[in-house]
């Protein structure tokens, strides 16, 4: 984690404070090295995990190790180079699906900020989104997503053979979720990926 991401963490903490008025919120930080002190001026971590592996493996190994003690309503997976630009509407979340923006979509839905590409920035013209009366393809974003404890029970993050040569991108993640029959829900999330100054795009709008 880089200290240049501290403003993003501060914004996250401000939004979470609103959630904490009605809910108990804990933070977990999974990093490739012991750099947690960079952010402990802002956050207090319940879990501090050093894991140099790739991001989906990190999620699976954390959940696998702590499964018996995890009993939260919802879990939010994010990155330090994500800057939220609006509060997330918790009322639209599905408790039986992974909730995220789409990376690729062919179907009838129209959602403001529903794409992880096609917003302002270098990914503005990637496309990978088109209208069809029937939903034919859906790949969710892997940088920021939300899921209920029910999804853990459905083995959405079950262990798999790790391969350091395999890129754990959105398509890799989608294949694992498909094998587990995990439902996917597209939600609008207004955010900036500050690493390259790209913003959420609109879905079929």
C-alpha atoms as a PDB file:
ATOM      1  CA  UNK A   1       0.000   0.000   0.000  1.00  0.00           C
ATOM      2  CA  UNK A   2       1.276   3.413  -0.969  1.00  0.00           C
ATOM      3  CA  UNK A   3       0.910   6.521   1.185  1.00  0.00           C
ATOM      4  CA  UNK A   4      -0.294   8.422  -1.905  1.00  0.00           C
ATOM      5  CA  UNK A   5      -3.554   6.494  -1.443  1.00  0.00           C
ATOM      6  CA  UNK A   6      -4.175   7.982   2.011  1.00  0.00           C
ATOM      7  CA  UNK A   7      -6.764  10.483   0.690  1.00  0.00           C
ATOM      8  CA  UNK A   8      -8.789   7.573  -0.737  1.00  0.00           C
ATOM      9  CA  UNK A   9      -8.715   5.780   2.598  1.00  0.00           C
ATOM     10  CA  UNK A  10      -9.800   8.955   4.356  1.00  0.00           C
ATOM     11  CA  UNK A  11     -12.798   9.277   2.011  1.00  0.00           C
ATOM     12  CA  UNK A  12     -13.699   5.610   2.589  1.00  0.00           C
ATOM     13  CA  UNK A  13     -13.541   6.140   6.325  1.00  0.00           C
ATOM     14  CA  UNK A  14     -15.865   9.154   6.104  1.00  0.00           C
ATOM     15  CA  UNK A  15     -18.504   7.136   4.233  1.00  0.00           C
ATOM     16  CA  UNK A  16     -18.115   4.197   6.603  1.00  0.00           C
ATOM     17  CA  UNK A  17     -18.685   6.465   9.605  1.00  0.00           C
ATOM     18  CA  UNK A  18     -22.188   7.078   8.260  1.00  0.00           C
ATOM     19  CA  UNK A  19     -22.772   3.324   8.076  1.00  0.00           C
ATOM     20  CA  UNK A  20     -21.426   2.901  11.617  1.00  0.00           C
ATOM     21  CA  UNK A  21     -24.328   4.941  12.970  1.00  0.00           C
ATOM     22  CA  UNK A  22     -26.539   1.882  12.450  1.00  0.00           C
ATOM     23  CA  UNK A  23     -24.084  -0.988  11.999  1.00  0.00           C
ATOM     24  CA  UNK A  24     -20.899  -2.437  13.449  1.00  0.00           C
ATOM     25  CA  UNK A  25     -18.060  -2.123  10.936  1.00  0.00           C
ATOM     26  CA  UNK A  26     -14.629  -3.769  11.105  1.00  0.00           C
ATOM     27  CA  UNK A  27     -11.678  -3.346   8.756  1.00  0.00           C
ATOM     28  CA  UNK A  28      -9.434  -6.056   7.336  1.00  0.00           C
ATOM     29  CA  UNK A  29      -6.255  -5.180   5.453  1.00  0.00           C
ATOM     30  CA  UNK A  30      -4.549  -7.781   3.258  1.00  0.00           C
ATOM     31  CA  UNK A  31      -1.201  -6.600   1.908  1.00  0.00           C
ATOM     32  CA  UNK A  32       1.835  -8.161   0.323  1.00  0.00           C
ATOM     33  CA  UNK A  33       4.045  -6.779   3.092  1.00  0.00           C
ATOM     34  CA  UNK A  34       3.877  -5.274   6.567  1.00  0.00           C
ATOM     35  CA  UNK A  35       2.970  -1.710   5.605  1.00  0.00           C
ATOM     36  CA  UNK A  36      -0.184  -1.427   7.713  1.00  0.00           C
ATOM     37  CA  UNK A  37       1.202   1.493   9.734  1.00  0.00           C
ATOM     38  CA  UNK A  38       0.818   3.680   6.646  1.00  0.00           C
ATOM     39  CA  UNK A  39      -2.936   3.670   7.183  1.00  0.00           C
ATOM     40  CA  UNK A  40      -3.345   3.171  10.896  1.00  0.00           C
ATOM     41  CA  UNK A  41      -3.451   6.930  11.430  1.00  0.00           C
ATOM     42  CA  UNK A  42      -6.893   6.709   9.795  1.00  0.00           C
ATOM     43  CA  UNK A  43      -8.162   3.161  10.297  1.00  0.00           C
ATOM     44  CA  UNK A  44      -8.076   0.537  13.010  1.00  0.00           C
ATOM     45  CA  UNK A  45      -7.699  -2.940  11.533  1.00  0.00           C
ATOM     46  CA  UNK A  46      -9.312  -5.953  13.179  1.00  0.00           C
ATOM     47  CA  UNK A  47      -7.393  -8.179  10.776  1.00  0.00           C
ATOM     48  CA  UNK A  48      -3.928  -7.495   9.362  1.00  0.00           C
ATOM     49  CA  UNK A  49      -2.893 -10.165   6.876  1.00  0.00           C
ATOM     50  CA  UNK A  50       0.380 -10.386   4.961  1.00  0.00           C
ATOM     51  CA  UNK A  51      -0.242 -12.306   1.742  1.00  0.00           C
ATOM     52  CA  UNK A  52       1.847 -11.668  -1.411  1.00  0.00           C
ATOM     53  CA  UNK A  53      -0.444 -13.699  -3.653  1.00  0.00           C
ATOM     54  CA  UNK A  54      -2.969 -12.339  -6.174  1.00  0.00           C
ATOM     55  CA  UNK A  55      -6.215 -10.656  -5.235  1.00  0.00           C
ATOM     56  CA  UNK A  56      -8.797 -13.424  -5.645  1.00  0.00           C
ATOM     57  CA  UNK A  57      -6.503 -15.885  -3.882  1.00  0.00           C
ATOM     58  CA  UNK A  58      -6.103 -13.386  -1.020  1.00  0.00           C
ATOM     59  CA  UNK A  59      -9.881 -13.276  -0.574  1.00  0.00           C
ATOM     60  CA  UNK A  60     -10.221 -17.051  -0.692  1.00  0.00           C
ATOM     61  CA  UNK A  61      -7.393 -17.671   1.763  1.00  0.00           C
ATOM     62  CA  UNK A  62      -8.589 -15.040   4.225  1.00  0.00           C
ATOM     63  CA  UNK A  63     -12.160 -16.368   4.198  1.00  0.00           C
ATOM     64  CA  UNK A  64     -10.974 -19.963   4.358  1.00  0.00           C
ATOM     65  CA  UNK A  65      -8.801 -19.236   7.396  1.00  0.00           C
ATOM     66  CA  UNK A  66     -11.406 -17.175   9.284  1.00  0.00           C
ATOM     67  CA  UNK A  67     -14.626 -18.778   8.057  1.00  0.00           C
ATOM     68  CA  UNK A  68     -15.757 -19.973  11.495  1.00  0.00           C
ATOM     69  CA  UNK A  69     -15.582 -16.491  13.020  1.00  0.00           C
ATOM     70  CA  UNK A  70     -16.943 -14.450  10.098  1.00  0.00           C
ATOM     71  CA  UNK A  71     -20.582 -13.548  10.669  1.00  0.00           C
ATOM     72  CA  UNK A  72     -21.051 -10.079   9.186  1.00  0.00           C
ATOM     73  CA  UNK A  73     -24.108  -9.109   7.178  1.00  0.00           C
ATOM     74  CA  UNK A  74     -22.076  -7.697   4.279  1.00  0.00           C
ATOM     75  CA  UNK A  75     -18.449  -7.613   3.180  1.00  0.00           C
ATOM     76  CA  UNK A  76     -16.933  -4.931   0.938  1.00  0.00           C
ATOM     77  CA  UNK A  77     -13.841  -5.747  -1.080  1.00  0.00           C
ATOM     78  CA  UNK A  78     -11.939  -2.682  -2.264  1.00  0.00           C
ATOM     79  CA  UNK A  79      -8.448  -1.429  -3.060  1.00  0.00           C
ATOM     80  CA  UNK A  80      -6.489   1.529  -1.650  1.00  0.00           C
ATOM     81  CA  UNK A  81      -6.396   3.164  -5.104  1.00  0.00           C
ATOM     82  CA  UNK A  82     -10.213   3.297  -5.229  1.00  0.00           C
ATOM     83  CA  UNK A  83     -11.803   6.634  -4.296  1.00  0.00           C
ATOM     84  CA  UNK A  84     -15.531   6.577  -3.601  1.00  0.00           C
ATOM     85  CA  UNK A  85     -17.355   9.618  -4.970  1.00  0.00           C
ATOM     86  CA  UNK A  86     -20.760   8.864  -3.421  1.00  0.00           C
ATOM     87  CA  UNK A  87     -22.151   6.890  -0.520  1.00  0.00           C
ATOM     88  CA  UNK A  88     -23.179   3.370  -1.486  1.00  0.00           C
ATOM     89  CA  UNK A  89     -26.913   2.681  -1.321  1.00  0.00           C
ATOM     90  CA  UNK A  90     -27.040  -0.396   0.907  1.00  0.00           C
ATOM     91  CA  UNK A  91     -30.769  -0.773   0.244  1.00  0.00           C
ATOM     92  CA  UNK A  92     -30.195  -1.968  -3.320  1.00  0.00           C
ATOM     93  CA  UNK A  93     -27.846  -4.813  -2.394  1.00  0.00           C
ATOM     94  CA  UNK A  94     -28.815  -8.424  -2.977  1.00  0.00           C
ATOM     95  CA  UNK A  95     -28.064 -10.827  -0.125  1.00  0.00           C
ATOM     96  CA  UNK A  96     -27.909 -13.760  -2.567  1.00  0.00           C
ATOM     97  CA  UNK A  97     -25.483 -12.314  -5.131  1.00  0.00           C
ATOM     98  CA  UNK A  98     -22.150 -10.595  -5.642  1.00  0.00           C
ATOM     99  CA  UNK A  99     -22.928  -6.874  -6.050  1.00  0.00           C
ATOM    100  CA  UNK A 100     -20.583  -4.892  -8.308  1.00  0.00           C
ATOM    101  CA  UNK A 101     -20.202  -2.859 -11.455  1.00  0.00           C
ATOM    102  CA  UNK A 102     -20.002  -4.790 -14.720  1.00  0.00           C
ATOM    103  CA  UNK A 103     -16.760  -5.128 -16.660  1.00  0.00           C
ATOM    104  CA  UNK A 104     -18.509  -6.732 -19.642  1.00  0.00           C
ATOM    105  CA  UNK A 105     -22.253  -6.743 -20.289  1.00  0.00           C
ATOM    106  CA  UNK A 106     -24.691  -7.699 -23.047  1.00  0.00           C
ATOM    107  CA  UNK A 107     -28.303  -7.396 -21.958  1.00  0.00           C
ATOM    108  CA  UNK A 108     -31.275  -5.123 -21.219  1.00  0.00           C
ATOM    109  CA  UNK A 109     -30.242  -3.386 -17.991  1.00  0.00           C
ATOM    110  CA  UNK A 110     -29.516   0.355 -17.847  1.00  0.00           C
ATOM    111  CA  UNK A 111     -27.622   1.519 -14.748  1.00  0.00           C
ATOM    112  CA  UNK A 112     -25.917   4.796 -13.912  1.00  0.00           C
ATOM    113  CA  UNK A 113     -22.254   4.120 -12.996  1.00  0.00           C
ATOM    114  CA  UNK A 114     -22.878   0.439 -13.716  1.00  0.00           C
ATOM    115  CA  UNK A 115     -19.648  -0.175 -15.669  1.00  0.00           C
ATOM    116  CA  UNK A 116     -16.050  -0.277 -14.456  1.00  0.00           C
ATOM    117  CA  UNK A 117     -14.979   0.995 -17.905  1.00  0.00           C
ATOM    118  CA  UNK A 118     -16.295   3.591 -20.406  1.00  0.00           C
ATOM    119  CA  UNK A 119     -16.236   6.457 -17.928  1.00  0.00           C
ATOM    120  CA  UNK A 120     -13.867   9.418 -18.170  1.00  0.00           C
ATOM    121  CA  UNK A 121     -10.212   8.449 -18.509  1.00  0.00           C
ATOM    122  CA  UNK A 122      -8.103   6.093 -20.596  1.00  0.00           C
ATOM    123  CA  UNK A 123     -10.782   3.354 -20.541  1.00  0.00           C
ATOM    124  CA  UNK A 124     -13.503   5.636 -21.963  1.00  0.00           C
ATOM    125  CA  UNK A 125     -13.821   3.845 -25.295  1.00  0.00           C
ATOM    126  CA  UNK A 126     -13.269   0.212 -24.328  1.00  0.00           C
ATOM    127  CA  UNK A 127     -16.908  -0.679 -24.987  1.00  0.00           C
ATOM    128  CA  UNK A 128     -17.692  -4.249 -23.845  1.00  0.00           C
ATOM    129  CA  UNK A 129     -21.283  -3.116 -23.238  1.00  0.00           C
ATOM    130  CA  UNK A 130     -24.290  -3.431 -25.537  1.00  0.00           C
ATOM    131  CA  UNK A 131     -28.056  -3.727 -25.374  1.00  0.00           C
ATOM    132  CA  UNK A 132     -29.970  -6.934 -25.978  1.00  0.00           C
ATOM    133  CA  UNK A 133     -33.492  -7.901 -24.925  1.00  0.00           C
ATOM    134  CA  UNK A 134     -32.032 -10.952 -23.177  1.00  0.00           C
ATOM    135  CA  UNK A 135     -29.015 -11.014 -20.883  1.00  0.00           C
ATOM    136  CA  UNK A 136     -26.291 -12.860 -22.764  1.00  0.00           C
ATOM    137  CA  UNK A 137     -23.064 -11.969 -20.974  1.00  0.00           C
ATOM    138  CA  UNK A 138     -22.040 -10.576 -17.600  1.00  0.00           C
ATOM    139  CA  UNK A 139     -18.542 -10.264 -16.161  1.00  0.00           C
ATOM    140  CA  UNK A 140     -18.319  -8.334 -12.886  1.00  0.00           C
ATOM    141  CA  UNK A 141     -15.615  -5.884 -11.867  1.00  0.00           C
ATOM    142  CA  UNK A 142     -12.973  -7.280  -9.533  1.00  0.00           C
ATOM    143  CA  UNK A 143     -11.747  -4.052  -7.897  1.00  0.00           C
ATOM    144  CA  UNK A 144     -14.784  -3.204  -5.773  1.00  0.00           C
ATOM    145  CA  UNK A 145     -17.611  -5.570  -4.887  1.00  0.00           C
ATOM    146  CA  UNK A 146     -19.987  -6.314  -2.017  1.00  0.00           C
ATOM    147  CA  UNK A 147     -21.392  -9.632  -0.855  1.00  0.00           C
ATOM    148  CA  UNK A 148     -23.525 -11.029   1.968  1.00  0.00           C
ATOM    149  CA  UNK A 149     -22.533 -13.755   4.410  1.00  0.00           C
ATOM    150  CA  UNK A 150     -24.837 -16.059   2.434  1.00  0.00           C
ATOM    151  CA  UNK A 151     -22.318 -15.927  -0.420  1.00  0.00           C
ATOM    152  CA  UNK A 152     -19.580 -17.255   1.840  1.00  0.00           C
ATOM    153  CA  UNK A 153     -21.857 -20.152   2.774  1.00  0.00           C
ATOM    154  CA  UNK A 154     -22.325 -20.848  -0.949  1.00  0.00           C
ATOM    155  CA  UNK A 155     -18.562 -21.361  -1.260  1.00  0.00           C
ATOM    156  CA  UNK A 156     -18.067 -18.359  -3.566  1.00  0.00           C
ATOM    157  CA  UNK A 157     -14.518 -18.102  -2.228  1.00  0.00           C
ATOM    158  CA  UNK A 158     -13.589 -21.743  -1.965  1.00  0.00           C
ATOM    159  CA  UNK A 159      -9.949 -22.708  -2.301  1.00  0.00           C
ATOM    160  CA  UNK A 160      -8.499 -23.634  -5.684  1.00  0.00           C
ATOM    161  CA  UNK A 161      -5.031 -24.635  -6.965  1.00  0.00           C
ATOM    162  CA  UNK A 162      -2.908 -21.494  -6.965  1.00  0.00           C
ATOM    163  CA  UNK A 163      -0.777 -20.768 -10.021  1.00  0.00           C
ATOM    164  CA  UNK A 164       1.550 -17.775  -9.917  1.00  0.00           C
ATOM    165  CA  UNK A 165       1.587 -17.665 -13.730  1.00  0.00           C
ATOM    166  CA  UNK A 166      -2.188 -17.192 -14.028  1.00  0.00           C
ATOM    167  CA  UNK A 167      -3.634 -13.665 -14.080  1.00  0.00           C
ATOM    168  CA  UNK A 168      -6.532 -13.440 -11.634  1.00  0.00           C
ATOM    169  CA  UNK A 169      -8.568 -10.924 -13.618  1.00  0.00           C
ATOM    170  CA  UNK A 170     -12.329 -10.495 -13.969  1.00  0.00           C
ATOM    171  CA  UNK A 171     -12.726 -13.399 -16.395  1.00  0.00           C
ATOM    172  CA  UNK A 172     -10.822 -15.734 -14.087  1.00  0.00           C
ATOM    173  CA  UNK A 173     -13.029 -14.679 -11.182  1.00  0.00           C
ATOM    174  CA  UNK A 174     -16.200 -15.079 -13.266  1.00  0.00           C
ATOM    175  CA  UNK A 175     -15.298 -18.632 -14.176  1.00  0.00           C
ATOM    176  CA  UNK A 176     -14.865 -19.621 -10.522  1.00  0.00           C
ATOM    177  CA  UNK A 177     -18.173 -18.002  -9.548  1.00  0.00           C
ATOM    178  CA  UNK A 178     -19.956 -19.694 -12.440  1.00  0.00           C
ATOM    179  CA  UNK A 179     -18.647 -23.063 -11.294  1.00  0.00           C
ATOM    180  CA  UNK A 180     -20.167 -22.352  -7.859  1.00  0.00           C
ATOM    181  CA  UNK A 181     -23.517 -21.156  -9.310  1.00  0.00           C
ATOM    182  CA  UNK A 182     -23.100 -17.739  -7.664  1.00  0.00           C
ATOM    183  CA  UNK A 183     -25.632 -15.083  -8.632  1.00  0.00           C
ATOM    184  CA  UNK A 184     -24.298 -11.747  -9.903  1.00  0.00           C
ATOM    185  CA  UNK A 185     -25.958  -8.335  -9.573  1.00  0.00           C
ATOM    186  CA  UNK A 186     -24.890  -5.129 -11.277  1.00  0.00           C
ATOM    187  CA  UNK A 187     -25.105  -2.002  -9.131  1.00  0.00           C
ATOM    188  CA  UNK A 188     -24.040   1.558  -9.821  1.00  0.00           C
ATOM    189  CA  UNK A 189     -20.976   2.688  -7.879  1.00  0.00           C
ATOM    190  CA  UNK A 190     -19.636   6.176  -8.477  1.00  0.00           C
ATOM    191  CA  UNK A 191     -15.883   5.938  -7.961  1.00  0.00           C
ATOM    192  CA  UNK A 192     -12.488   6.856  -9.334  1.00  0.00           C
ATOM    193  CA  UNK A 193      -9.630   4.426  -9.866  1.00  0.00           C
ATOM    194  CA  UNK A 194      -6.952   6.927  -8.896  1.00  0.00           C
ATOM    195  CA  UNK A 195      -4.062   4.791 -10.120  1.00  0.00           C
ATOM    196  CA  UNK A 196      -4.836   5.943 -13.671  1.00  0.00           C
ATOM    197  CA  UNK A 197      -7.609   8.512 -13.091  1.00  0.00           C
ATOM    198  CA  UNK A 198     -10.446   6.472 -14.590  1.00  0.00           C
ATOM    199  CA  UNK A 199     -14.090   6.721 -13.553  1.00  0.00           C
ATOM    200  CA  UNK A 200     -17.171   4.491 -13.537  1.00  0.00           C
ATOM    201  CA  UNK A 201     -19.094   4.422 -16.816  1.00  0.00           C
ATOM    202  CA  UNK A 202     -22.817   4.151 -17.435  1.00  0.00           C
ATOM    203  CA  UNK A 203     -24.414   0.863 -18.460  1.00  0.00           C
ATOM    204  CA  UNK A 204     -26.462   1.105 -21.696  1.00  0.00           C
ATOM    205  CA  UNK A 205     -27.119   4.824 -21.173  1.00  0.00           C
END
